[in-house]
Amino acid sequence: MRFTDVLELPCPDETDFGALALYMQNLANRLEAMLLEQQAAIETFNEAPTAIFVNTSTIGPVSSAGSAQFSFPNADAIFSNYTGAAITSSTGSLATSTFKQSGLYHLGWFVNCTEVGAITNDSFRQVACSIRNNAGVGSTVDILHRRVTSENLAGGNFFGNNLVFSIGEDFALHGVLFEFSHGNIASDMQITAGNARAWITRIGSRETIEVS
């Protein structure tokens, strides 16, 4: 076995034709494996695992003196490409199976809430979204509030928010909790079916990628 002068690449003896063919075959196999790995990485990046949730029943009516925790049914099979076990709901929160692996995630939501009766001008409407350990009964990891003020307008109050956060190796213990409250003392409020939506996208690994 000899080596080239500049890059010191392995080079079989020019008289050893069998070794040269074997070397070229091994080189081609290694290159193909690396190309397939890169292709898989690109496909994963372009098709990030995403789950989309839609409420299928009315949330509320909720009085201004109270609040309502709400959950979502399984991820919508038409729009979601989240792999792994089904994402199911539990009382007051998304289940602990919300996150399938550690990594960086993007979570977002929006709601359209409406008054059952009269409207109190300049009263607030709020959704508190928290990412919690132990599916809503343990410590809060991140919290994502959004509060808006309503005027005497028909059509409801449309608002939302989003957050990028990190989930560690204990990902299986984490869930997401949503809670709706308001200050419309003139009447109760509700979020009808199809008017609360949320999505979760895994952006990628928490590990730092180095290019050499």
N, C-alpha and C. Protein backbone atom coordinates (compact mmCIF):
# COMPACT_ATOMS: atom_id res chain seq x y z
N MET A 1 0.84 -1.19 0.00
CA MET A 1 0.00 0.00 0.00
C MET A 1 0.88 1.25 0.00
N ARG A 2 0.56 2.18 -0.92
CA ARG A 2 1.28 3.45 -0.98
C ARG A 2 0.30 4.58 -0.67
N PHE A 3 0.80 5.82 -0.56
CA PHE A 3 -0.04 6.98 -0.28
C PHE A 3 0.29 8.09 -1.26
N THR A 4 -0.72 8.90 -1.59
CA THR A 4 -0.49 10.00 -2.53
C THR A 4 0.41 11.05 -1.89
N ASP A 5 1.00 11.89 -2.72
CA ASP A 5 2.01 12.84 -2.24
C ASP A 5 1.43 13.98 -1.44
N VAL A 6 0.26 14.50 -1.81
CA VAL A 6 -0.27 15.72 -1.19
C VAL A 6 -1.22 15.41 -0.02
N LEU A 7 -2.30 14.70 -0.28
CA LEU A 7 -3.30 14.43 0.74
C LEU A 7 -3.04 13.13 1.50
N GLU A 8 -2.05 12.38 1.08
CA GLU A 8 -1.70 11.11 1.71
C GLU A 8 -2.89 10.15 1.75
N LEU A 9 -3.59 10.10 0.62
CA LEU A 9 -4.69 9.15 0.50
C LEU A 9 -4.12 7.76 0.22
N PRO A 10 -4.76 6.73 0.77
CA PRO A 10 -4.27 5.38 0.51
C PRO A 10 -4.40 5.03 -0.97
N CYS A 11 -3.38 4.46 -1.53
CA CYS A 11 -3.38 4.12 -2.94
C CYS A 11 -2.70 2.78 -3.13
N PRO A 12 -3.45 1.76 -3.56
CA PRO A 12 -2.82 0.46 -3.82
C PRO A 12 -1.73 0.59 -4.88
N ASP A 13 -0.85 -0.32 -4.83
CA ASP A 13 0.21 -0.35 -5.84
C ASP A 13 -0.41 -0.43 -7.23
N GLU A 14 0.17 0.33 -8.17
CA GLU A 14 -0.42 0.42 -9.51
C GLU A 14 -0.42 -0.91 -10.24
N THR A 15 0.37 -1.85 -9.76
CA THR A 15 0.38 -3.18 -10.39
C THR A 15 -0.61 -4.14 -9.74
N ASP A 16 -1.21 -3.71 -8.62
CA ASP A 16 -2.15 -4.56 -7.89
C ASP A 16 -3.56 -4.18 -8.30
N PHE A 17 -4.00 -4.64 -9.44
CA PHE A 17 -5.29 -4.22 -9.99
C PHE A 17 -6.46 -4.68 -9.13
N GLY A 18 -6.35 -5.84 -8.53
CA GLY A 18 -7.44 -6.32 -7.67
C GLY A 18 -7.63 -5.44 -6.46
N ALA A 19 -6.51 -5.04 -5.82
CA ALA A 19 -6.59 -4.17 -4.65
C ALA A 19 -7.17 -2.81 -5.01
N LEU A 20 -6.83 -2.31 -6.19
CA LEU A 20 -7.35 -1.02 -6.62
C LEU A 20 -8.87 -1.06 -6.78
N ALA A 21 -9.37 -2.12 -7.38
CA ALA A 21 -10.82 -2.26 -7.56
C ALA A 21 -11.53 -2.37 -6.21
N LEU A 22 -10.95 -3.14 -5.31
CA LEU A 22 -11.56 -3.30 -3.98
C LEU A 22 -11.57 -1.97 -3.22
N TYR A 23 -10.47 -1.23 -3.36
CA TYR A 23 -10.38 0.08 -2.70
C TYR A 23 -11.46 1.02 -3.23
N MET A 24 -11.66 1.07 -4.54
CA MET A 24 -12.66 1.94 -5.14
C MET A 24 -14.07 1.53 -4.71
N GLN A 25 -14.30 0.22 -4.60
CA GLN A 25 -15.61 -0.25 -4.17
C GLN A 25 -15.88 0.17 -2.72
N ASN A 26 -14.90 0.01 -1.84
CA ASN A 26 -15.06 0.40 -0.44
C ASN A 26 -15.28 1.91 -0.31
N LEU A 27 -14.54 2.67 -1.13
CA LEU A 27 -14.70 4.12 -1.11
C LEU A 27 -16.11 4.52 -1.54
N ALA A 28 -16.63 3.88 -2.57
CA ALA A 28 -17.98 4.17 -3.05
C ALA A 28 -19.03 3.84 -1.99
N ASN A 29 -18.85 2.73 -1.28
CA ASN A 29 -19.79 2.35 -0.22
C ASN A 29 -19.78 3.36 0.91
N ARG A 30 -18.59 3.86 1.28
CA ARG A 30 -18.51 4.84 2.36
C ARG A 30 -19.15 6.16 1.95
N LEU A 31 -18.91 6.58 0.72
CA LEU A 31 -19.50 7.83 0.24
C LEU A 31 -21.03 7.72 0.19
N GLU A 32 -21.53 6.58 -0.27
CA GLU A 32 -22.98 6.39 -0.35
C GLU A 32 -23.61 6.45 1.04
N ALA A 33 -22.96 5.83 2.02
CA ALA A 33 -23.49 5.84 3.39
C ALA A 33 -23.55 7.26 3.93
N MET A 34 -22.51 8.06 3.67
CA MET A 34 -22.51 9.45 4.14
C MET A 34 -23.57 10.28 3.44
N LEU A 35 -23.76 10.06 2.15
CA LEU A 35 -24.78 10.80 1.41
C LEU A 35 -26.19 10.46 1.90
N LEU A 36 -26.43 9.18 2.17
CA LEU A 36 -27.73 8.77 2.68
C LEU A 36 -28.00 9.37 4.05
N GLU A 37 -26.96 9.46 4.88
CA GLU A 37 -27.11 10.06 6.20
C GLU A 37 -27.44 11.55 6.09
N GLN A 38 -26.77 12.23 5.16
CA GLN A 38 -27.07 13.65 4.95
C GLN A 38 -28.49 13.85 4.42
N GLN A 39 -28.91 12.99 3.51
CA GLN A 39 -30.26 13.08 2.96
C GLN A 39 -31.31 12.90 4.05
N ALA A 40 -31.09 11.92 4.93
CA ALA A 40 -32.03 11.69 6.03
C ALA A 40 -32.08 12.89 6.96
N ALA A 41 -30.92 13.52 7.22
CA ALA A 41 -30.88 14.70 8.10
C ALA A 41 -31.63 15.87 7.48
N ILE A 42 -31.49 16.05 6.15
CA ILE A 42 -32.19 17.13 5.46
C ILE A 42 -33.69 16.91 5.50
N GLU A 43 -34.13 15.67 5.26
CA GLU A 43 -35.56 15.37 5.28
C GLU A 43 -36.15 15.61 6.67
N THR A 44 -35.41 15.24 7.71
CA THR A 44 -35.86 15.46 9.08
C THR A 44 -35.97 16.95 9.38
N PHE A 45 -35.00 17.73 8.88
CA PHE A 45 -35.00 19.17 9.12
C PHE A 45 -36.18 19.83 8.40
N ASN A 46 -36.46 19.41 7.17
CA ASN A 46 -37.52 20.03 6.39
C ASN A 46 -38.91 19.58 6.81
N GLU A 47 -39.01 18.43 7.45
CA GLU A 47 -40.29 17.91 7.88
C GLU A 47 -40.26 17.68 9.39
N ALA A 48 -40.08 18.78 10.12
CA ALA A 48 -39.98 18.69 11.58
C ALA A 48 -41.25 18.07 12.16
N PRO A 49 -41.12 17.15 13.13
CA PRO A 49 -42.31 16.54 13.73
C PRO A 49 -43.23 17.60 14.31
N THR A 50 -44.45 17.65 13.85
CA THR A 50 -45.41 18.68 14.27
C THR A 50 -46.74 18.03 14.62
N ALA A 51 -47.30 18.43 15.75
CA ALA A 51 -48.64 17.99 16.16
C ALA A 51 -49.54 19.21 16.22
N ILE A 52 -50.73 19.11 15.64
CA ILE A 52 -51.70 20.20 15.63
C ILE A 52 -52.95 19.73 16.37
N PHE A 53 -53.43 20.55 17.30
CA PHE A 53 -54.57 20.20 18.14
C PHE A 53 -55.72 21.17 17.91
N VAL A 54 -56.96 20.66 17.95
CA VAL A 54 -58.16 21.47 17.81
C VAL A 54 -59.17 20.99 18.85
N ASN A 55 -59.79 21.95 19.57
CA ASN A 55 -60.80 21.54 20.55
C ASN A 55 -62.06 21.08 19.82
N THR A 56 -62.64 20.00 20.29
CA THR A 56 -63.82 19.42 19.63
C THR A 56 -65.09 19.65 20.42
N SER A 57 -64.97 20.31 21.58
CA SER A 57 -66.16 20.63 22.38
C SER A 57 -66.00 22.01 22.99
N THR A 58 -67.10 22.60 23.40
CA THR A 58 -67.08 23.96 23.95
C THR A 58 -66.37 24.00 25.30
N ILE A 59 -65.53 25.01 25.48
CA ILE A 59 -64.85 25.26 26.75
C ILE A 59 -65.65 26.33 27.47
N GLY A 60 -66.22 26.00 28.62
CA GLY A 60 -67.06 26.93 29.35
C GLY A 60 -68.53 26.54 29.22
N PRO A 61 -69.44 27.51 29.48
CA PRO A 61 -69.20 28.92 29.82
C PRO A 61 -68.46 29.08 31.15
N VAL A 62 -67.66 30.16 31.22
CA VAL A 62 -66.82 30.45 32.37
C VAL A 62 -67.21 31.81 32.92
N SER A 63 -67.42 31.89 34.22
CA SER A 63 -67.76 33.17 34.84
C SER A 63 -66.49 33.98 35.08
N SER A 64 -66.66 35.29 35.30
CA SER A 64 -65.50 36.15 35.55
C SER A 64 -64.87 35.86 36.91
N ALA A 65 -65.59 35.15 37.76
CA ALA A 65 -65.05 34.82 39.08
C ALA A 65 -64.24 33.52 39.06
N GLY A 66 -64.25 32.81 37.93
CA GLY A 66 -63.56 31.52 37.87
C GLY A 66 -62.62 31.44 36.69
N SER A 67 -62.25 30.22 36.36
CA SER A 67 -61.39 29.95 35.20
C SER A 67 -61.65 28.53 34.75
N ALA A 68 -61.13 28.18 33.59
CA ALA A 68 -61.34 26.83 33.05
C ALA A 68 -60.04 26.30 32.48
N GLN A 69 -59.56 25.20 33.05
CA GLN A 69 -58.44 24.49 32.44
C GLN A 69 -59.01 23.67 31.29
N PHE A 70 -58.28 23.64 30.18
CA PHE A 70 -58.81 22.87 29.06
C PHE A 70 -57.71 22.07 28.39
N SER A 71 -58.12 21.00 27.74
CA SER A 71 -57.20 20.10 27.08
C SER A 71 -57.67 19.89 25.65
N PHE A 72 -56.87 19.17 24.89
CA PHE A 72 -57.19 18.89 23.50
C PHE A 72 -57.27 17.38 23.29
N PRO A 73 -58.07 16.94 22.35
CA PRO A 73 -58.06 15.51 22.00
C PRO A 73 -56.80 15.16 21.23
N ASN A 74 -56.77 13.98 20.65
CA ASN A 74 -55.59 13.54 19.90
C ASN A 74 -55.22 14.54 18.81
N ALA A 75 -53.95 14.55 18.47
CA ALA A 75 -53.49 15.42 17.40
C ALA A 75 -54.26 15.13 16.12
N ASP A 76 -54.56 16.17 15.36
CA ASP A 76 -55.33 16.03 14.13
C ASP A 76 -54.54 15.20 13.11
N ALA A 77 -55.09 14.06 12.73
CA ALA A 77 -54.37 13.12 11.85
C ALA A 77 -54.17 13.69 10.44
N ILE A 78 -54.99 14.66 10.04
CA ILE A 78 -54.88 15.20 8.69
C ILE A 78 -53.66 16.12 8.56
N PHE A 79 -53.42 16.92 9.59
CA PHE A 79 -52.40 17.94 9.49
C PHE A 79 -51.11 17.59 10.24
N SER A 80 -51.14 16.61 11.13
CA SER A 80 -49.98 16.32 11.96
C SER A 80 -49.10 15.24 11.36
N ASN A 81 -47.79 15.35 11.58
CA ASN A 81 -46.86 14.31 11.15
C ASN A 81 -46.00 13.87 12.32
N TYR A 82 -46.52 14.02 13.53
CA TYR A 82 -45.79 13.65 14.73
C TYR A 82 -45.66 12.13 14.81
N THR A 83 -44.48 11.64 14.97
CA THR A 83 -44.26 10.20 15.02
C THR A 83 -44.37 9.69 16.45
N GLY A 84 -44.49 8.39 16.59
CA GLY A 84 -44.54 7.80 17.92
C GLY A 84 -45.97 7.51 18.32
N ALA A 85 -46.17 7.28 19.62
CA ALA A 85 -47.49 6.93 20.14
C ALA A 85 -48.44 8.11 19.98
N ALA A 86 -49.74 7.81 20.03
CA ALA A 86 -50.76 8.86 19.89
C ALA A 86 -50.61 9.88 21.00
N ILE A 87 -50.84 11.14 20.66
CA ILE A 87 -50.79 12.22 21.65
C ILE A 87 -52.20 12.39 22.19
N THR A 88 -52.41 11.99 23.41
CA THR A 88 -53.74 12.02 23.99
C THR A 88 -53.85 13.10 25.05
N SER A 89 -55.06 13.41 25.45
CA SER A 89 -55.29 14.43 26.47
C SER A 89 -55.64 13.76 27.79
N SER A 90 -55.37 14.51 28.87
CA SER A 90 -55.81 14.09 30.19
C SER A 90 -56.47 15.29 30.85
N THR A 91 -57.08 15.11 31.98
CA THR A 91 -57.85 16.18 32.61
C THR A 91 -56.98 17.40 32.87
N GLY A 92 -57.33 18.50 32.25
CA GLY A 92 -56.66 19.76 32.52
C GLY A 92 -55.33 19.95 31.84
N SER A 93 -54.86 19.02 31.06
CA SER A 93 -53.54 19.21 30.44
C SER A 93 -53.37 18.22 29.30
N LEU A 94 -52.41 18.50 28.45
CA LEU A 94 -52.00 17.49 27.49
C LEU A 94 -51.26 16.40 28.26
N ALA A 95 -51.35 15.18 27.78
CA ALA A 95 -50.77 14.07 28.52
C ALA A 95 -49.25 14.14 28.56
N THR A 96 -48.65 13.33 29.43
CA THR A 96 -47.19 13.33 29.55
C THR A 96 -46.52 12.82 28.29
N SER A 97 -47.28 12.23 27.37
CA SER A 97 -46.70 11.76 26.11
C SER A 97 -46.62 12.86 25.06
N THR A 98 -46.85 14.12 25.48
CA THR A 98 -46.78 15.23 24.55
C THR A 98 -45.44 15.28 23.83
N PHE A 99 -44.36 15.07 24.55
CA PHE A 99 -43.02 15.18 23.99
C PHE A 99 -42.42 13.79 23.83
N LYS A 100 -41.97 13.48 22.61
CA LYS A 100 -41.48 12.14 22.29
C LYS A 100 -39.98 12.00 22.51
N GLN A 101 -39.27 13.11 22.61
CA GLN A 101 -37.83 13.07 22.83
C GLN A 101 -37.36 14.44 23.29
N SER A 102 -36.15 14.49 23.79
CA SER A 102 -35.59 15.77 24.22
C SER A 102 -35.31 16.64 23.01
N GLY A 103 -35.13 17.94 23.23
CA GLY A 103 -34.81 18.83 22.13
C GLY A 103 -35.42 20.20 22.30
N LEU A 104 -35.27 21.01 21.26
CA LEU A 104 -35.87 22.34 21.21
C LEU A 104 -37.25 22.24 20.55
N TYR A 105 -38.24 22.88 21.16
CA TYR A 105 -39.60 22.82 20.68
C TYR A 105 -40.17 24.23 20.47
N HIS A 106 -41.09 24.33 19.52
CA HIS A 106 -41.86 25.55 19.30
C HIS A 106 -43.32 25.22 19.56
N LEU A 107 -43.91 25.89 20.53
CA LEU A 107 -45.31 25.68 20.87
C LEU A 107 -46.07 26.98 20.64
N GLY A 108 -47.25 26.88 20.05
CA GLY A 108 -48.07 28.05 19.84
C GLY A 108 -49.54 27.70 19.99
N TRP A 109 -50.37 28.71 20.16
CA TRP A 109 -51.81 28.50 20.31
C TRP A 109 -52.55 29.77 19.94
N PHE A 110 -53.83 29.62 19.63
CA PHE A 110 -54.70 30.78 19.52
C PHE A 110 -56.12 30.35 19.86
N VAL A 111 -56.90 31.30 20.34
CA VAL A 111 -58.30 31.05 20.69
C VAL A 111 -59.16 32.20 20.17
N ASN A 112 -60.44 31.92 20.03
CA ASN A 112 -61.43 32.96 19.78
C ASN A 112 -62.53 32.75 20.81
N CYS A 113 -62.60 33.63 21.82
CA CYS A 113 -63.58 33.48 22.88
C CYS A 113 -64.72 34.48 22.67
N THR A 114 -65.92 34.07 23.04
CA THR A 114 -67.10 34.90 22.83
C THR A 114 -67.90 35.02 24.12
N GLU A 115 -68.62 36.12 24.24
CA GLU A 115 -69.48 36.35 25.40
C GLU A 115 -70.80 35.62 25.22
N VAL A 116 -71.31 35.09 26.31
CA VAL A 116 -72.61 34.43 26.27
C VAL A 116 -73.72 35.48 26.23
N GLY A 117 -73.48 36.63 26.86
CA GLY A 117 -74.49 37.68 26.91
C GLY A 117 -73.87 39.05 26.68
N ALA A 118 -74.04 39.94 27.66
CA ALA A 118 -73.56 41.31 27.54
C ALA A 118 -72.03 41.38 27.63
N ILE A 119 -71.50 42.51 27.14
CA ILE A 119 -70.05 42.73 27.11
C ILE A 119 -69.69 43.84 28.08
N THR A 120 -68.66 43.58 28.88
CA THR A 120 -68.10 44.61 29.76
C THR A 120 -66.94 45.27 29.05
N ASN A 121 -67.09 46.55 28.73
CA ASN A 121 -66.03 47.26 28.01
C ASN A 121 -64.72 47.25 28.80
N ASP A 122 -63.61 47.14 28.06
CA ASP A 122 -62.26 47.20 28.63
C ASP A 122 -61.97 46.09 29.63
N SER A 123 -62.71 45.00 29.57
CA SER A 123 -62.42 43.86 30.44
C SER A 123 -61.44 42.93 29.74
N PHE A 124 -60.70 42.16 30.52
CA PHE A 124 -59.64 41.33 29.95
C PHE A 124 -60.12 39.95 29.58
N ARG A 125 -59.41 39.32 28.65
CA ARG A 125 -59.53 37.90 28.32
C ARG A 125 -58.12 37.34 28.34
N GLN A 126 -57.92 36.18 28.94
CA GLN A 126 -56.56 35.67 29.13
C GLN A 126 -56.50 34.15 28.98
N VAL A 127 -55.42 33.69 28.36
CA VAL A 127 -55.08 32.27 28.35
C VAL A 127 -53.66 32.14 28.91
N ALA A 128 -53.53 31.30 29.92
CA ALA A 128 -52.22 31.00 30.50
C ALA A 128 -51.82 29.60 30.04
N CYS A 129 -50.69 29.50 29.36
CA CYS A 129 -50.19 28.22 28.88
C CYS A 129 -48.88 27.94 29.60
N SER A 130 -48.78 26.82 30.26
CA SER A 130 -47.56 26.48 31.00
C SER A 130 -47.07 25.09 30.63
N ILE A 131 -45.75 24.98 30.44
CA ILE A 131 -45.11 23.69 30.23
C ILE A 131 -44.66 23.19 31.59
N ARG A 132 -45.15 22.05 32.00
CA ARG A 132 -44.93 21.60 33.37
C ARG A 132 -44.33 20.21 33.43
N ASN A 133 -43.60 19.99 34.51
CA ASN A 133 -43.10 18.65 34.81
C ASN A 133 -44.22 17.86 35.48
N ASN A 134 -44.29 16.57 35.22
CA ASN A 134 -45.31 15.68 35.78
C ASN A 134 -46.71 16.08 35.34
N ALA A 135 -46.86 16.56 34.12
CA ALA A 135 -48.17 16.80 33.48
C ALA A 135 -49.08 17.69 34.31
N GLY A 136 -48.56 18.82 34.77
CA GLY A 136 -49.42 19.82 35.38
C GLY A 136 -49.53 19.75 36.89
N VAL A 137 -48.96 18.74 37.54
CA VAL A 137 -49.04 18.65 39.00
C VAL A 137 -47.69 18.92 39.65
N GLY A 138 -46.65 19.09 38.86
CA GLY A 138 -45.32 19.33 39.40
C GLY A 138 -44.89 20.77 39.17
N SER A 139 -43.61 20.96 38.97
CA SER A 139 -43.06 22.29 38.81
C SER A 139 -43.30 22.83 37.41
N THR A 140 -43.43 24.16 37.29
CA THR A 140 -43.60 24.82 36.00
C THR A 140 -42.25 25.07 35.37
N VAL A 141 -42.08 24.64 34.12
CA VAL A 141 -40.82 24.82 33.41
C VAL A 141 -40.82 26.16 32.68
N ASP A 142 -41.84 26.42 31.90
CA ASP A 142 -42.01 27.69 31.18
C ASP A 142 -43.47 28.07 31.23
N ILE A 143 -43.73 29.36 31.18
CA ILE A 143 -45.12 29.82 31.19
C ILE A 143 -45.31 30.89 30.13
N LEU A 144 -46.47 30.90 29.53
CA LEU A 144 -46.74 31.70 28.34
C LEU A 144 -48.13 32.32 28.47
N HIS A 145 -48.21 33.52 29.08
CA HIS A 145 -49.49 34.21 29.23
C HIS A 145 -49.78 35.10 28.03
N ARG A 146 -51.04 35.33 27.77
CA ARG A 146 -51.45 36.37 26.82
C ARG A 146 -52.77 36.94 27.31
N ARG A 147 -52.79 38.26 27.52
CA ARG A 147 -54.00 38.93 27.99
C ARG A 147 -54.34 40.06 27.02
N VAL A 148 -55.61 40.14 26.64
CA VAL A 148 -56.07 41.21 25.75
C VAL A 148 -57.25 41.91 26.41
N THR A 149 -57.52 43.12 25.94
CA THR A 149 -58.65 43.91 26.45
C THR A 149 -59.72 43.99 25.38
N SER A 150 -60.97 43.79 25.77
CA SER A 150 -62.07 43.76 24.81
C SER A 150 -62.83 45.08 24.81
N GLU A 151 -63.35 45.41 23.64
CA GLU A 151 -64.30 46.51 23.51
C GLU A 151 -65.66 45.93 23.15
N ASN A 152 -66.65 46.78 23.05
CA ASN A 152 -68.01 46.34 22.78
C ASN A 152 -68.17 46.05 21.29
N LEU A 153 -67.54 44.95 20.83
CA LEU A 153 -67.56 44.57 19.42
C LEU A 153 -68.06 43.14 19.27
N ALA A 154 -68.77 42.88 18.20
CA ALA A 154 -69.25 41.53 17.93
C ALA A 154 -68.15 40.70 17.27
N GLY A 155 -68.29 39.40 17.33
CA GLY A 155 -67.36 38.52 16.63
C GLY A 155 -66.35 37.82 17.51
N GLY A 156 -66.31 38.15 18.79
CA GLY A 156 -65.39 37.47 19.69
C GLY A 156 -64.06 38.17 19.83
N ASN A 157 -63.16 37.50 20.53
CA ASN A 157 -61.83 38.05 20.82
C ASN A 157 -60.79 37.02 20.40
N PHE A 158 -60.07 37.32 19.34
CA PHE A 158 -59.12 36.38 18.74
C PHE A 158 -57.71 36.78 19.18
N PHE A 159 -56.97 35.85 19.81
CA PHE A 159 -55.61 36.15 20.23
C PHE A 159 -54.85 34.85 20.47
N GLY A 160 -53.52 34.94 20.54
CA GLY A 160 -52.68 33.77 20.74
C GLY A 160 -51.28 34.16 21.14
N ASN A 161 -50.40 33.18 21.18
CA ASN A 161 -49.01 33.41 21.56
C ASN A 161 -48.19 32.19 21.16
N ASN A 162 -46.85 32.30 21.24
CA ASN A 162 -45.99 31.17 20.93
C ASN A 162 -44.70 31.29 21.70
N LEU A 163 -43.98 30.18 21.82
CA LEU A 163 -42.79 30.11 22.67
C LEU A 163 -41.86 29.02 22.15
N VAL A 164 -40.54 29.30 22.17
CA VAL A 164 -39.52 28.29 21.90
C VAL A 164 -38.88 27.91 23.23
N PHE A 165 -38.76 26.63 23.51
CA PHE A 165 -38.24 26.19 24.80
C PHE A 165 -37.48 24.87 24.63
N SER A 166 -36.79 24.49 25.67
CA SER A 166 -35.96 23.28 25.65
C SER A 166 -36.52 22.24 26.61
N ILE A 167 -36.56 20.99 26.16
CA ILE A 167 -36.98 19.87 26.99
C ILE A 167 -35.81 18.90 27.12
N GLY A 168 -35.48 18.52 28.37
CA GLY A 168 -34.34 17.67 28.63
C GLY A 168 -34.63 16.19 28.48
N GLU A 169 -33.74 15.39 29.02
CA GLU A 169 -33.86 13.94 28.86
C GLU A 169 -35.07 13.36 29.59
N ASP A 170 -35.65 14.11 30.53
CA ASP A 170 -36.84 13.63 31.23
C ASP A 170 -38.11 14.07 30.49
N PHE A 171 -38.03 14.11 29.16
CA PHE A 171 -39.12 14.61 28.33
C PHE A 171 -40.44 13.91 28.60
N ALA A 172 -40.40 12.62 28.95
CA ALA A 172 -41.63 11.85 29.13
C ALA A 172 -42.46 12.34 30.32
N LEU A 173 -41.88 13.15 31.19
CA LEU A 173 -42.59 13.65 32.37
C LEU A 173 -43.27 14.99 32.14
N HIS A 174 -43.13 15.55 30.95
CA HIS A 174 -43.61 16.91 30.71
C HIS A 174 -44.95 16.94 29.98
N GLY A 175 -45.77 17.90 30.34
CA GLY A 175 -47.05 18.13 29.68
C GLY A 175 -47.30 19.62 29.56
N VAL A 176 -48.41 19.98 28.91
CA VAL A 176 -48.75 21.38 28.68
C VAL A 176 -50.13 21.64 29.26
N LEU A 177 -50.25 22.70 30.03
CA LEU A 177 -51.51 23.04 30.69
C LEU A 177 -52.03 24.38 30.16
N PHE A 178 -53.31 24.42 29.77
CA PHE A 178 -53.97 25.64 29.30
C PHE A 178 -55.07 26.04 30.30
N GLU A 179 -55.18 27.35 30.55
CA GLU A 179 -56.22 27.83 31.46
C GLU A 179 -56.77 29.17 30.94
N PHE A 180 -58.09 29.24 30.82
CA PHE A 180 -58.77 30.43 30.31
C PHE A 180 -59.46 31.16 31.45
N SER A 181 -59.31 32.50 31.46
CA SER A 181 -60.01 33.33 32.44
C SER A 181 -60.35 34.67 31.79
N HIS A 182 -61.23 35.43 32.43
CA HIS A 182 -61.65 36.71 31.84
C HIS A 182 -62.22 37.61 32.92
N GLY A 183 -62.44 38.88 32.56
CA GLY A 183 -63.00 39.85 33.48
C GLY A 183 -64.31 40.43 33.00
N ASN A 184 -65.02 39.69 32.16
CA ASN A 184 -66.30 40.16 31.60
C ASN A 184 -67.41 39.89 32.61
N ILE A 185 -67.59 40.80 33.55
CA ILE A 185 -68.52 40.55 34.65
C ILE A 185 -69.98 40.60 34.19
N ALA A 186 -70.25 41.18 33.01
CA ALA A 186 -71.63 41.30 32.54
C ALA A 186 -72.21 39.97 32.11
N SER A 187 -71.37 39.00 31.73
CA SER A 187 -71.86 37.68 31.34
C SER A 187 -70.71 36.69 31.30
N ASP A 188 -71.06 35.41 31.24
CA ASP A 188 -70.05 34.37 31.11
C ASP A 188 -69.44 34.42 29.71
N MET A 189 -68.31 33.69 29.54
CA MET A 189 -67.65 33.59 28.24
C MET A 189 -67.36 32.13 27.93
N GLN A 190 -67.18 31.83 26.65
CA GLN A 190 -66.90 30.46 26.24
C GLN A 190 -66.02 30.45 25.00
N ILE A 191 -65.39 29.28 24.76
CA ILE A 191 -64.64 29.03 23.53
C ILE A 191 -65.31 27.85 22.86
N THR A 192 -66.02 28.10 21.78
CA THR A 192 -66.78 27.03 21.14
C THR A 192 -65.85 26.06 20.39
N ALA A 193 -66.40 24.92 20.01
CA ALA A 193 -65.62 23.88 19.33
C ALA A 193 -64.97 24.42 18.07
N GLY A 194 -63.70 24.09 17.89
CA GLY A 194 -62.94 24.52 16.73
C GLY A 194 -62.29 25.88 16.88
N ASN A 195 -62.53 26.57 18.00
CA ASN A 195 -61.99 27.91 18.19
C ASN A 195 -60.84 27.99 19.18
N ALA A 196 -60.29 26.83 19.57
CA ALA A 196 -59.04 26.78 20.32
C ALA A 196 -58.11 25.82 19.60
N ARG A 197 -56.94 26.29 19.24
CA ARG A 197 -56.00 25.45 18.50
C ARG A 197 -54.60 25.62 19.05
N ALA A 198 -53.82 24.56 18.95
CA ALA A 198 -52.44 24.60 19.42
C ALA A 198 -51.58 23.73 18.52
N TRP A 199 -50.29 24.02 18.50
CA TRP A 199 -49.36 23.19 17.73
C TRP A 199 -48.05 23.06 18.48
N ILE A 200 -47.39 21.95 18.28
CA ILE A 200 -46.08 21.70 18.87
C ILE A 200 -45.17 21.17 17.77
N THR A 201 -44.02 21.81 17.56
CA THR A 201 -43.04 21.39 16.57
C THR A 201 -41.70 21.15 17.25
N ARG A 202 -41.10 20.01 16.98
CA ARG A 202 -39.74 19.78 17.48
C ARG A 202 -38.76 20.38 16.48
N ILE A 203 -38.06 21.43 16.89
CA ILE A 203 -37.13 22.12 16.00
C ILE A 203 -35.89 21.28 15.75
N GLY A 204 -35.37 20.66 16.79
CA GLY A 204 -34.17 19.85 16.62
C GLY A 204 -33.54 19.51 17.96
N SER A 205 -32.33 18.96 17.89
CA SER A 205 -31.62 18.53 19.08
C SER A 205 -31.13 19.71 19.89
N ARG A 206 -30.92 19.48 21.19
CA ARG A 206 -30.35 20.51 22.05
C ARG A 206 -28.84 20.60 21.92
N GLU A 207 -28.25 19.61 21.25
CA GLU A 207 -26.80 19.58 21.12
C GLU A 207 -26.32 20.65 20.15
N THR A 208 -25.18 21.21 20.44
CA THR A 208 -24.58 22.21 19.56
C THR A 208 -23.94 21.53 18.35
N ILE A 209 -24.26 22.04 17.17
CA ILE A 209 -23.70 21.47 15.95
C ILE A 209 -22.46 22.25 15.58
N GLU A 210 -21.32 21.60 15.44
CA GLU A 210 -20.06 22.24 15.10
C GLU A 210 -19.68 21.87 13.67
N VAL A 211 -19.22 22.87 12.92
CA VAL A 211 -18.75 22.64 11.56
C VAL A 211 -17.25 22.83 11.55
N SER A 212 -16.53 21.83 11.08
CA SER A 212 -15.07 21.92 11.05
C SER A 212 -14.59 21.96 9.61
